[in-house]
């Protein structure tokens, strides 16, 4: 089955990721490294695009990001 892509529309998912990450004093570098260790194909450029809603995000990436940030996934959609 193909991976589901979530396109930012009226909700700034990337902005919410950045807001939560910075509020928790987590460096983007650390989050990227952890996602890479989990097997995600993500680098600084792609992560920048995700945080600025310039790229579609995969559902599995959202789950991993929410887990890393220690928040319920619904927090990313507020």
PDB file of N, CA and C in Angstrom:
ATOM      1  N   UNK A   1       0.837  -1.169   0.000  1.00  0.00           N
ATOM      2  CA  UNK A   1       0.000   0.000   0.000  1.00  0.00           C
ATOM      3  C   UNK A   1       0.890   1.243   0.000  1.00  0.00           C
ATOM      4  N   UNK A   2       0.495   2.247  -0.763  1.00  0.00           N
ATOM      5  CA  UNK A   2       1.257   3.488  -0.839  1.00  0.00           C
ATOM      6  C   UNK A   2       1.104   4.302   0.431  1.00  0.00           C
ATOM      7  N   UNK A   3       2.133   5.063   0.723  1.00  0.00           N
ATOM      8  CA  UNK A   3       2.140   5.955   1.882  1.00  0.00           C
ATOM      9  C   UNK A   3       1.181   7.109   1.630  1.00  0.00           C
ATOM     10  N   UNK A   4       0.470   7.530   2.647  1.00  0.00           N
ATOM     11  CA  UNK A   4      -0.476   8.640   2.539  1.00  0.00           C
ATOM     12  C   UNK A   4       0.271   9.945   2.750  1.00  0.00           C
ATOM     13  N   UNK A   5       0.082  10.889   1.824  1.00  0.00           N
ATOM     14  CA  UNK A   5       0.670  12.217   1.956  1.00  0.00           C
ATOM     15  C   UNK A   5      -0.396  13.174   2.458  1.00  0.00           C
ATOM     16  N   UNK A   6       0.009  14.029   3.357  1.00  0.00           N
ATOM     17  CA  UNK A   6      -0.915  15.028   3.888  1.00  0.00           C
ATOM     18  C   UNK A   6      -0.452  16.388   3.396  1.00  0.00           C
ATOM     19  N   UNK A   7      -1.327  17.054   2.681  1.00  0.00           N
ATOM     20  CA  UNK A   7      -0.999  18.356   2.112  1.00  0.00           C
ATOM     21  C   UNK A   7      -1.470  19.462   3.042  1.00  0.00           C
ATOM     22  N   UNK A   8      -0.552  20.347   3.429  1.00  0.00           N
ATOM     23  CA  UNK A   8      -0.994  21.464   4.267  1.00  0.00           C
ATOM     24  C   UNK A   8      -1.985  22.319   3.483  1.00  0.00           C
ATOM     25  N   UNK A   9      -3.095  22.609   4.081  1.00  0.00           N
ATOM     26  CA  UNK A   9      -4.118  23.402   3.401  1.00  0.00           C
ATOM     27  C   UNK A   9      -4.427  24.618   4.257  1.00  0.00           C
ATOM     28  N   UNK A  10      -5.441  24.546   5.041  1.00  0.00           N
ATOM     29  CA  UNK A  10      -5.802  25.662   5.904  1.00  0.00           C
ATOM     30  C   UNK A  10      -5.105  25.589   7.258  1.00  0.00           C
ATOM     31  N   UNK A  11      -4.572  24.413   7.588  1.00  0.00           N
ATOM     32  CA  UNK A  11      -3.879  24.211   8.853  1.00  0.00           C
ATOM     33  C   UNK A  11      -2.381  24.167   8.576  1.00  0.00           C
ATOM     34  N   UNK A  12      -1.635  24.939   9.325  1.00  0.00           N
ATOM     35  CA  UNK A  12      -0.181  24.957   9.161  1.00  0.00           C
ATOM     36  C   UNK A  12       0.435  23.861  10.022  1.00  0.00           C
ATOM     37  N   UNK A  13       0.435  22.650   9.502  1.00  0.00           N
ATOM     38  CA  UNK A  13       1.006  21.525  10.234  1.00  0.00           C
ATOM     39  C   UNK A  13       2.490  21.791  10.517  1.00  0.00           C
ATOM     40  N   UNK A  14       3.201  22.269   9.519  1.00  0.00           N
ATOM     41  CA  UNK A  14       4.620  22.567   9.696  1.00  0.00           C
ATOM     42  C   UNK A  14       4.854  23.641  10.728  1.00  0.00           C
ATOM     43  N   UNK A  15       4.027  24.667  10.704  1.00  0.00           N
ATOM     44  CA  UNK A  15       4.137  25.727  11.699  1.00  0.00           C
ATOM     45  C   UNK A  15       3.887  25.208  13.104  1.00  0.00           C
ATOM     46  N   UNK A  16       2.947  24.280  13.228  1.00  0.00           N
ATOM     47  CA  UNK A  16       2.667  23.677  14.528  1.00  0.00           C
ATOM     48  C   UNK A  16       3.830  22.813  14.997  1.00  0.00           C
ATOM     49  N   UNK A  17       4.438  22.089  14.074  1.00  0.00           N
ATOM     50  CA  UNK A  17       5.616  21.289  14.427  1.00  0.00           C
ATOM     51  C   UNK A  17       6.714  22.205  14.952  1.00  0.00           C
ATOM     52  N   UNK A  18       6.966  23.288  14.232  1.00  0.00           N
ATOM     53  CA  UNK A  18       8.021  24.219  14.639  1.00  0.00           C
ATOM     54  C   UNK A  18       7.692  24.863  15.986  1.00  0.00           C
ATOM     55  N   UNK A  19       6.451  25.275  16.170  1.00  0.00           N
ATOM     56  CA  UNK A  19       6.048  25.916  17.419  1.00  0.00           C
ATOM     57  C   UNK A  19       6.267  24.982  18.614  1.00  0.00           C
ATOM     58  N   UNK A  20       5.836  23.741  18.483  1.00  0.00           N
ATOM     59  CA  UNK A  20       5.980  22.771  19.568  1.00  0.00           C
ATOM     60  C   UNK A  20       7.456  22.449  19.799  1.00  0.00           C
ATOM     61  N   UNK A  21       8.189  22.245  18.708  1.00  0.00           N
ATOM     62  CA  UNK A  21       9.617  21.918  18.817  1.00  0.00           C
ATOM     63  C   UNK A  21      10.379  23.019  19.536  1.00  0.00           C
ATOM     64  N   UNK A  22      10.148  24.261  19.162  1.00  0.00           N
ATOM     65  CA  UNK A  22      10.882  25.363  19.789  1.00  0.00           C
ATOM     66  C   UNK A  22      10.425  25.574  21.233  1.00  0.00           C
ATOM     67  N   UNK A  23       9.149  25.379  21.519  1.00  0.00           N
ATOM     68  CA  UNK A  23       8.656  25.514  22.895  1.00  0.00           C
ATOM     69  C   UNK A  23       9.304  24.481  23.814  1.00  0.00           C
ATOM     70  N   UNK A  24       9.637  23.328  23.260  1.00  0.00           N
ATOM     71  CA  UNK A  24      10.266  22.269  24.051  1.00  0.00           C
ATOM     72  C   UNK A  24      11.792  22.329  23.981  1.00  0.00           C
ATOM     73  N   UNK A  25      12.310  23.384  23.338  1.00  0.00           N
ATOM     74  CA  UNK A  25      13.767  23.589  23.207  1.00  0.00           C
ATOM     75  C   UNK A  25      14.458  22.392  22.554  1.00  0.00           C
ATOM     76  N   UNK A  26      13.838  21.895  21.485  1.00  0.00           N
ATOM     77  CA  UNK A  26      14.401  20.784  20.722  1.00  0.00           C
ATOM     78  C   UNK A  26      14.986  21.338  19.438  1.00  0.00           C
ATOM     79  N   UNK A  27      16.217  20.989  19.162  1.00  0.00           N
ATOM     80  CA  UNK A  27      16.856  21.446  17.930  1.00  0.00           C
ATOM     81  C   UNK A  27      16.339  20.630  16.751  1.00  0.00           C
ATOM     82  N   UNK A  28      16.174  21.295  15.618  1.00  0.00           N
ATOM     83  CA  UNK A  28      15.736  20.614  14.394  1.00  0.00           C
ATOM     84  C   UNK A  28      16.721  19.498  14.053  1.00  0.00           C
ATOM     85  N   UNK A  29      18.000  19.765  14.273  1.00  0.00           N
ATOM     86  CA  UNK A  29      19.044  18.771  13.984  1.00  0.00           C
ATOM     87  C   UNK A  29      18.775  17.461  14.720  1.00  0.00           C
ATOM     88  N   UNK A  30      18.402  17.556  15.992  1.00  0.00           N
ATOM     89  CA  UNK A  30      18.156  16.352  16.790  1.00  0.00           C
ATOM     90  C   UNK A  30      16.936  15.593  16.286  1.00  0.00           C
ATOM     91  N   UNK A  31      15.894  16.317  15.933  1.00  0.00           N
ATOM     92  CA  UNK A  31      14.691  15.672  15.419  1.00  0.00           C
ATOM     93  C   UNK A  31      14.981  14.983  14.083  1.00  0.00           C
ATOM     94  N   UNK A  32      15.710  15.671  13.208  1.00  0.00           N
ATOM     95  CA  UNK A  32      16.070  15.102  11.902  1.00  0.00           C
ATOM     96  C   UNK A  32      16.892  13.832  12.094  1.00  0.00           C
ATOM     97  N   UNK A  33      17.885  13.906  12.983  1.00  0.00           N
ATOM     98  CA  UNK A  33      18.757  12.746  13.238  1.00  0.00           C
ATOM     99  C   UNK A  33      17.943  11.556  13.721  1.00  0.00           C
ATOM    100  N   UNK A  34      17.000  11.795  14.635  1.00  0.00           N
ATOM    101  CA  UNK A  34      16.183  10.717  15.158  1.00  0.00           C
ATOM    102  C   UNK A  34      15.313  10.096  14.070  1.00  0.00           C
ATOM    103  N   UNK A  35      14.726  10.944  13.229  1.00  0.00           N
ATOM    104  CA  UNK A  35      13.919  10.420  12.125  1.00  0.00           C
ATOM    105  C   UNK A  35      14.767   9.593  11.165  1.00  0.00           C
ATOM    106  N   UNK A  36      15.983  10.041  10.902  1.00  0.00           N
ATOM    107  CA  UNK A  36      16.877   9.277  10.029  1.00  0.00           C
ATOM    108  C   UNK A  36      17.212   7.927  10.649  1.00  0.00           C
ATOM    109  N   UNK A  37      17.453   7.905  11.956  1.00  0.00           N
ATOM    110  CA  UNK A  37      17.757   6.650  12.644  1.00  0.00           C
ATOM    111  C   UNK A  37      16.577   5.690  12.616  1.00  0.00           C
ATOM    112  N   UNK A  38      15.367   6.241  12.524  1.00  0.00           N
ATOM    113  CA  UNK A  38      14.169   5.406  12.414  1.00  0.00           C
ATOM    114  C   UNK A  38      13.940   4.934  10.976  1.00  0.00           C
ATOM    115  N   UNK A  39      14.765   5.405  10.041  1.00  0.00           N
ATOM    116  CA  UNK A  39      14.667   4.942   8.664  1.00  0.00           C
ATOM    117  C   UNK A  39      13.951   5.885   7.717  1.00  0.00           C
ATOM    118  N   UNK A  40      13.641   7.090   8.175  1.00  0.00           N
ATOM    119  CA  UNK A  40      12.967   8.046   7.300  1.00  0.00           C
ATOM    120  C   UNK A  40      13.985   8.738   6.403  1.00  0.00           C
ATOM    121  N   UNK A  41      13.592   8.964   5.168  1.00  0.00           N
ATOM    122  CA  UNK A  41      14.445   9.645   4.198  1.00  0.00           C
ATOM    123  C   UNK A  41      14.206  11.150   4.328  1.00  0.00           C
ATOM    124  N   UNK A  42      14.880  11.764   5.296  1.00  0.00           N
ATOM    125  CA  UNK A  42      14.674  13.178   5.569  1.00  0.00           C
ATOM    126  C   UNK A  42      16.031  13.830   5.817  1.00  0.00           C
ATOM    127  N   UNK A  43      16.179  15.028   5.307  1.00  0.00           N
ATOM    128  CA  UNK A  43      17.413  15.790   5.525  1.00  0.00           C
ATOM    129  C   UNK A  43      17.020  17.215   5.921  1.00  0.00           C
ATOM    130  N   UNK A  44      18.025  18.082   6.116  1.00  0.00           N
ATOM    131  CA  UNK A  44      17.740  19.458   6.551  1.00  0.00           C
ATOM    132  C   UNK A  44      16.820  20.185   5.578  1.00  0.00           C
ATOM    133  N   UNK A  45      17.086  20.017   4.298  1.00  0.00           N
ATOM    134  CA  UNK A  45      16.291  20.724   3.289  1.00  0.00           C
ATOM    135  C   UNK A  45      14.831  20.268   3.323  1.00  0.00           C
ATOM    136  N   UNK A  46      14.612  18.975   3.368  1.00  0.00           N
ATOM    137  CA  UNK A  46      13.242  18.460   3.399  1.00  0.00           C
ATOM    138  C   UNK A  46      12.547  18.892   4.691  1.00  0.00           C
ATOM    139  N   UNK A  47      13.254  18.826   5.809  1.00  0.00           N
ATOM    140  CA  UNK A  47      12.635  19.216   7.069  1.00  0.00           C
ATOM    141  C   UNK A  47      12.276  20.700   7.058  1.00  0.00           C
ATOM    142  N   UNK A  48      13.133  21.525   6.492  1.00  0.00           N
ATOM    143  CA  UNK A  48      12.837  22.956   6.358  1.00  0.00           C
ATOM    144  C   UNK A  48      11.533  23.141   5.580  1.00  0.00           C
ATOM    145  N   UNK A  49      11.399  22.397   4.490  1.00  0.00           N
ATOM    146  CA  UNK A  49      10.185  22.496   3.674  1.00  0.00           C
ATOM    147  C   UNK A  49       8.955  22.036   4.444  1.00  0.00           C
ATOM    148  N   UNK A  50       9.122  21.011   5.289  1.00  0.00           N
ATOM    149  CA  UNK A  50       7.988  20.545   6.093  1.00  0.00           C
ATOM    150  C   UNK A  50       7.551  21.614   7.094  1.00  0.00           C
ATOM    151  N   UNK A  51       8.527  22.203   7.789  1.00  0.00           N
ATOM    152  CA  UNK A  51       8.194  23.214   8.795  1.00  0.00           C
ATOM    153  C   UNK A  51       7.586  24.475   8.189  1.00  0.00           C
ATOM    154  N   UNK A  52       7.894  24.738   6.938  1.00  0.00           N
ATOM    155  CA  UNK A  52       7.381  25.940   6.287  1.00  0.00           C
ATOM    156  C   UNK A  52       6.235  25.637   5.322  1.00  0.00           C
ATOM    157  N   UNK A  53       5.670  24.430   5.449  1.00  0.00           N
ATOM    158  CA  UNK A  53       4.519  23.997   4.635  1.00  0.00           C
ATOM    159  C   UNK A  53       4.777  24.114   3.137  1.00  0.00           C
ATOM    160  N   UNK A  54       5.993  23.793   2.734  1.00  0.00           N
ATOM    161  CA  UNK A  54       6.358  23.832   1.322  1.00  0.00           C
ATOM    162  C   UNK A  54       6.400  22.442   0.696  1.00  0.00           C
ATOM    163  N   UNK A  55       6.131  21.421   1.511  1.00  0.00           N
ATOM    164  CA  UNK A  55       6.144  20.044   1.013  1.00  0.00           C
ATOM    165  C   UNK A  55       5.051  19.255   1.714  1.00  0.00           C
ATOM    166  N   UNK A  56       4.569  18.233   1.032  1.00  0.00           N
ATOM    167  CA  UNK A  56       3.608  17.322   1.647  1.00  0.00           C
ATOM    168  C   UNK A  56       4.345  16.481   2.683  1.00  0.00           C
ATOM    169  N   UNK A  57       3.658  16.153   3.746  1.00  0.00           N
ATOM    170  CA  UNK A  57       4.246  15.329   4.797  1.00  0.00           C
ATOM    171  C   UNK A  57       3.555  13.970   4.774  1.00  0.00           C
ATOM    172  N   UNK A  58       4.326  12.931   4.960  1.00  0.00           N
ATOM    173  CA  UNK A  58       3.763  11.587   5.007  1.00  0.00           C
ATOM    174  C   UNK A  58       3.132  11.349   6.375  1.00  0.00           C
ATOM    175  N   UNK A  59       2.077  10.578   6.394  1.00  0.00           N
ATOM    176  CA  UNK A  59       1.394  10.264   7.647  1.00  0.00           C
ATOM    177  C   UNK A  59       2.357   9.599   8.632  1.00  0.00           C
ATOM    178  N   UNK A  60       3.199   8.712   8.137  1.00  0.00           N
ATOM    179  CA  UNK A  60       4.149   8.029   9.019  1.00  0.00           C
ATOM    180  C   UNK A  60       5.162   9.008   9.615  1.00  0.00           C
ATOM    181  N   UNK A  61       5.526  10.047   8.847  1.00  0.00           N
ATOM    182  CA  UNK A  61       6.430  11.077   9.374  1.00  0.00           C
ATOM    183  C   UNK A  61       5.746  11.846  10.490  1.00  0.00           C
ATOM    184  N   UNK A  62       4.470  12.178  10.301  1.00  0.00           N
ATOM    185  CA  UNK A  62       3.725  12.904  11.331  1.00  0.00           C
ATOM    186  C   UNK A  62       3.647  12.105  12.623  1.00  0.00           C
ATOM    187  N   UNK A  63       3.403  10.822  12.498  1.00  0.00           N
ATOM    188  CA  UNK A  63       3.326   9.959  13.681  1.00  0.00           C
ATOM    189  C   UNK A  63       4.669   9.955  14.399  1.00  0.00           C
ATOM    190  N   UNK A  64       5.759   9.816  13.643  1.00  0.00           N
ATOM    191  CA  UNK A  64       7.096   9.782  14.241  1.00  0.00           C
ATOM    192  C   UNK A  64       7.458  11.127  14.873  1.00  0.00           C
ATOM    193  N   UNK A  65       7.091  12.220  14.223  1.00  0.00           N
ATOM    194  CA  UNK A  65       7.382  13.553  14.754  1.00  0.00           C
ATOM    195  C   UNK A  65       6.593  13.782  16.041  1.00  0.00           C
ATOM    196  N   UNK A  66       5.329  13.427  16.047  1.00  0.00           N
ATOM    197  CA  UNK A  66       4.501  13.588  17.252  1.00  0.00           C
ATOM    198  C   UNK A  66       5.084  12.758  18.396  1.00  0.00           C
ATOM    199  N   UNK A  67       5.520  11.553  18.089  1.00  0.00           N
ATOM    200  CA  UNK A  67       6.110  10.687  19.116  1.00  0.00           C
ATOM    201  C   UNK A  67       7.395  11.318  19.658  1.00  0.00           C
ATOM    202  N   UNK A  68       8.233  11.836  18.773  1.00  0.00           N
ATOM    203  CA  UNK A  68       9.486  12.458  19.202  1.00  0.00           C
ATOM    204  C   UNK A  68       9.221  13.700  20.054  1.00  0.00           C
ATOM    205  N   UNK A  69       8.234  14.488  19.665  1.00  0.00           N
ATOM    206  CA  UNK A  69       7.896  15.705  20.408  1.00  0.00           C
ATOM    207  C   UNK A  69       7.079  15.407  21.666  1.00  0.00           C
ATOM    208  N   UNK A  70       6.688  14.148  21.819  1.00  0.00           N
ATOM    209  CA  UNK A  70       5.916  13.700  22.972  1.00  0.00           C
ATOM    210  C   UNK A  70       4.592  14.458  23.087  1.00  0.00           C
ATOM    211  N   UNK A  71       3.870  14.523  21.953  1.00  0.00           N
ATOM    212  CA  UNK A  71       2.553  15.146  21.922  1.00  0.00           C
ATOM    213  C   UNK A  71       1.594  14.218  21.185  1.00  0.00           C
ATOM    214  N   UNK A  72       0.323  14.386  21.452  1.00  0.00           N
ATOM    215  CA  UNK A  72      -0.691  13.670  20.686  1.00  0.00           C
ATOM    216  C   UNK A  72      -0.682  14.236  19.270  1.00  0.00           C
ATOM    217  N   UNK A  73      -0.872  13.385  18.299  1.00  0.00           N
ATOM    218  CA  UNK A  73      -0.801  13.818  16.895  1.00  0.00           C
ATOM    219  C   UNK A  73      -1.815  14.924  16.598  1.00  0.00           C
ATOM    220  N   UNK A  74      -2.901  14.978  17.333  1.00  0.00           N
ATOM    221  CA  UNK A  74      -3.904  16.017  17.109  1.00  0.00           C
ATOM    222  C   UNK A  74      -3.334  17.418  17.370  1.00  0.00           C
ATOM    223  N   UNK A  75      -2.292  17.523  18.202  1.00  0.00           N
ATOM    224  CA  UNK A  75      -1.656  18.809  18.468  1.00  0.00           C
ATOM    225  C   UNK A  75      -1.036  19.413  17.205  1.00  0.00           C
ATOM    226  N   UNK A  76      -0.671  18.571  16.270  1.00  0.00           N
ATOM    227  CA  UNK A  76      -0.057  19.040  15.027  1.00  0.00           C
ATOM    228  C   UNK A  76      -1.079  19.647  14.074  1.00  0.00           C
ATOM    229  N   UNK A  77      -2.357  19.448  14.360  1.00  0.00           N
ATOM    230  CA  UNK A  77      -3.419  19.938  13.478  1.00  0.00           C
ATOM    231  C   UNK A  77      -4.205  21.099  14.071  1.00  0.00           C
ATOM    232  N   UNK A  78      -3.741  21.660  15.171  1.00  0.00           N
ATOM    233  CA  UNK A  78      -4.476  22.762  15.814  1.00  0.00           C
ATOM    234  C   UNK A  78      -4.098  24.082  15.212  1.00  0.00           C
TER     235      UNK A  78
END
